[in-house]
Amino acid sequence: METSDYFRNDALEKRPYIKQGWLELALKEPVRREVQSDDGRIRNWVWIPELERYLRMATLANGTTVHNAFPDRRFKP
């Protein structure tokens, strides 16, 4: 799985519990997907039972390079 420098050096450092399987699930079977109009980045949400929350994962505009991921407290499907 391709990741950005920001994801490897910052996001994972803050949230080392994020699992690659969760990211793959967010890419393949998101509950919701949105494209940001300003930069084309794509947001994907997926339910993670272990977190008891939705995980929001953002990819770069190419749709495959993971840029950020975190539990989203405010997301409602």
C-alpha atoms as a PDB file:
ATOM      1  CA  MET A   1       0.000   0.000   0.000  1.00  0.00           C
ATOM      2  CA  GLU A   2       1.361   3.374  -0.990  1.00  0.00           C
ATOM      3  CA  THR A   3       1.537   6.078   1.702  1.00  0.00           C
ATOM      4  CA  SER A   4       2.572   9.729   1.775  1.00  0.00           C
ATOM      5  CA  ASP A   5       5.534  11.041   3.755  1.00  0.00           C
ATOM      6  CA  TYR A   6       3.081  12.829   6.038  1.00  0.00           C
ATOM      7  CA  PHE A   7       1.256   9.580   6.812  1.00  0.00           C
ATOM      8  CA  ARG A   8       4.447   7.635   7.541  1.00  0.00           C
ATOM      9  CA  ASN A   9       6.222  10.348   9.529  1.00  0.00           C
ATOM     10  CA  ASP A  10       3.390  12.148  11.333  1.00  0.00           C
ATOM     11  CA  ALA A  11       0.017  10.405  11.274  1.00  0.00           C
ATOM     12  CA  LEU A  12       1.317   6.939  12.198  1.00  0.00           C
ATOM     13  CA  GLU A  13       3.564   8.422  14.844  1.00  0.00           C
ATOM     14  CA  LYS A  14       0.503   9.992  16.516  1.00  0.00           C
ATOM     15  CA  ARG A  15      -1.710   6.930  15.954  1.00  0.00           C
ATOM     16  CA  PRO A  16       0.479   3.806  15.873  1.00  0.00           C
ATOM     17  CA  TYR A  17      -2.550   1.575  16.569  1.00  0.00           C
ATOM     18  CA  ILE A  18      -3.903   2.078  13.029  1.00  0.00           C
ATOM     19  CA  LYS A  19      -3.766  -1.234  11.181  1.00  0.00           C
ATOM     20  CA  GLN A  20      -3.083  -1.717   7.494  1.00  0.00           C
ATOM     21  CA  GLY A  21      -6.149  -3.961   7.212  1.00  0.00           C
ATOM     22  CA  TRP A  22      -8.357  -1.071   8.305  1.00  0.00           C
ATOM     23  CA  LEU A  23      -6.903   1.128   5.582  1.00  0.00           C
ATOM     24  CA  GLU A  24      -7.442  -1.565   2.964  1.00  0.00           C
ATOM     25  CA  LEU A  25     -11.049  -1.967   4.099  1.00  0.00           C
ATOM     26  CA  ALA A  26     -11.603   1.796   3.870  1.00  0.00           C
ATOM     27  CA  LEU A  27     -10.342   1.734   0.282  1.00  0.00           C
ATOM     28  CA  LYS A  28     -12.372  -1.302  -0.793  1.00  0.00           C
ATOM     29  CA  GLU A  29     -15.631  -0.992   1.169  1.00  0.00           C
ATOM     30  CA  PRO A  30     -16.165   2.531   2.503  1.00  0.00           C
ATOM     31  CA  VAL A  31     -19.467   3.464   4.118  1.00  0.00           C
ATOM     32  CA  ARG A  32     -19.073   6.881   2.486  1.00  0.00           C
ATOM     33  CA  ARG A  33     -16.625   8.408   0.029  1.00  0.00           C
ATOM     34  CA  GLU A  34     -16.228  12.150  -0.630  1.00  0.00           C
ATOM     35  CA  VAL A  35     -13.921  14.074  -2.947  1.00  0.00           C
ATOM     36  CA  GLN A  36     -12.620  17.378  -1.626  1.00  0.00           C
ATOM     37  CA  SER A  37     -13.240  20.074  -4.213  1.00  0.00           C
ATOM     38  CA  ASP A  38     -10.178  22.154  -3.364  1.00  0.00           C
ATOM     39  CA  ASP A  39      -7.422  19.566  -3.830  1.00  0.00           C
ATOM     40  CA  GLY A  40      -9.108  16.376  -5.079  1.00  0.00           C
ATOM     41  CA  ARG A  41      -8.184  14.324  -2.024  1.00  0.00           C
ATOM     42  CA  ILE A  42     -10.616  11.549  -1.254  1.00  0.00           C
ATOM     43  CA  ARG A  43     -12.098  10.824   2.164  1.00  0.00           C
ATOM     44  CA  ASN A  44     -13.273   7.316   3.000  1.00  0.00           C
ATOM     45  CA  TRP A  45     -15.076   6.231   6.155  1.00  0.00           C
ATOM     46  CA  VAL A  46     -15.331   2.687   7.472  1.00  0.00           C
ATOM     47  CA  TRP A  47     -16.664   1.228  10.748  1.00  0.00           C
ATOM     48  CA  ILE A  48     -13.940  -0.314  12.923  1.00  0.00           C
ATOM     49  CA  PRO A  49     -15.421  -2.518  15.674  1.00  0.00           C
ATOM     50  CA  GLU A  50     -12.190  -2.512  17.720  1.00  0.00           C
ATOM     51  CA  LEU A  51     -12.338   1.285  17.940  1.00  0.00           C
ATOM     52  CA  GLU A  52     -16.128   1.417  18.233  1.00  0.00           C
ATOM     53  CA  ARG A  53     -15.888   4.353  15.835  1.00  0.00           C
ATOM     54  CA  TYR A  54     -15.662   5.172  12.180  1.00  0.00           C
ATOM     55  CA  LEU A  55     -12.174   5.544  10.764  1.00  0.00           C
ATOM     56  CA  ARG A  56     -11.734   8.431   8.359  1.00  0.00           C
ATOM     57  CA  MET A  57      -8.985   7.810   5.852  1.00  0.00           C
ATOM     58  CA  ALA A  58      -7.871  10.399   3.317  1.00  0.00           C
ATOM     59  CA  THR A  59      -6.026   9.537   0.144  1.00  0.00           C
ATOM     60  CA  LEU A  60      -4.298  11.816  -2.304  1.00  0.00           C
ATOM     61  CA  ALA A  61      -6.192  12.645  -5.492  1.00  0.00           C
ATOM     62  CA  ASN A  62      -4.945   9.429  -7.120  1.00  0.00           C
ATOM     63  CA  GLY A  63      -7.264   7.502  -4.774  1.00  0.00           C
ATOM     64  CA  THR A  64      -4.640   4.999  -3.641  1.00  0.00           C
ATOM     65  CA  THR A  65      -1.943   6.874  -1.691  1.00  0.00           C
ATOM     66  CA  VAL A  66      -2.935   7.034   1.990  1.00  0.00           C
ATOM     67  CA  HIS A  67      -2.340  10.510   3.397  1.00  0.00           C
ATOM     68  CA  ASN A  68      -4.125  10.491   6.779  1.00  0.00           C
ATOM     69  CA  ALA A  69      -6.285   8.264   8.975  1.00  0.00           C
ATOM     70  CA  PHE A  70      -7.937   8.767  12.337  1.00  0.00           C
ATOM     71  CA  PRO A  71     -11.025   7.811  14.356  1.00  0.00           C
ATOM     72  CA  ASP A  72     -13.760  10.296  13.468  1.00  0.00           C
ATOM     73  CA  ARG A  73     -15.920  11.129  16.485  1.00  0.00           C
ATOM     74  CA  ARG A  74     -18.356  13.332  14.579  1.00  0.00           C
ATOM     75  CA  PHE A  75     -19.113  11.135  11.567  1.00  0.00           C
ATOM     76  CA  LYS A  76     -22.675   9.882  11.238  1.00  0.00           C
ATOM     77  CA  PRO A  77     -23.542   7.678   8.250  1.00  0.00           C
END
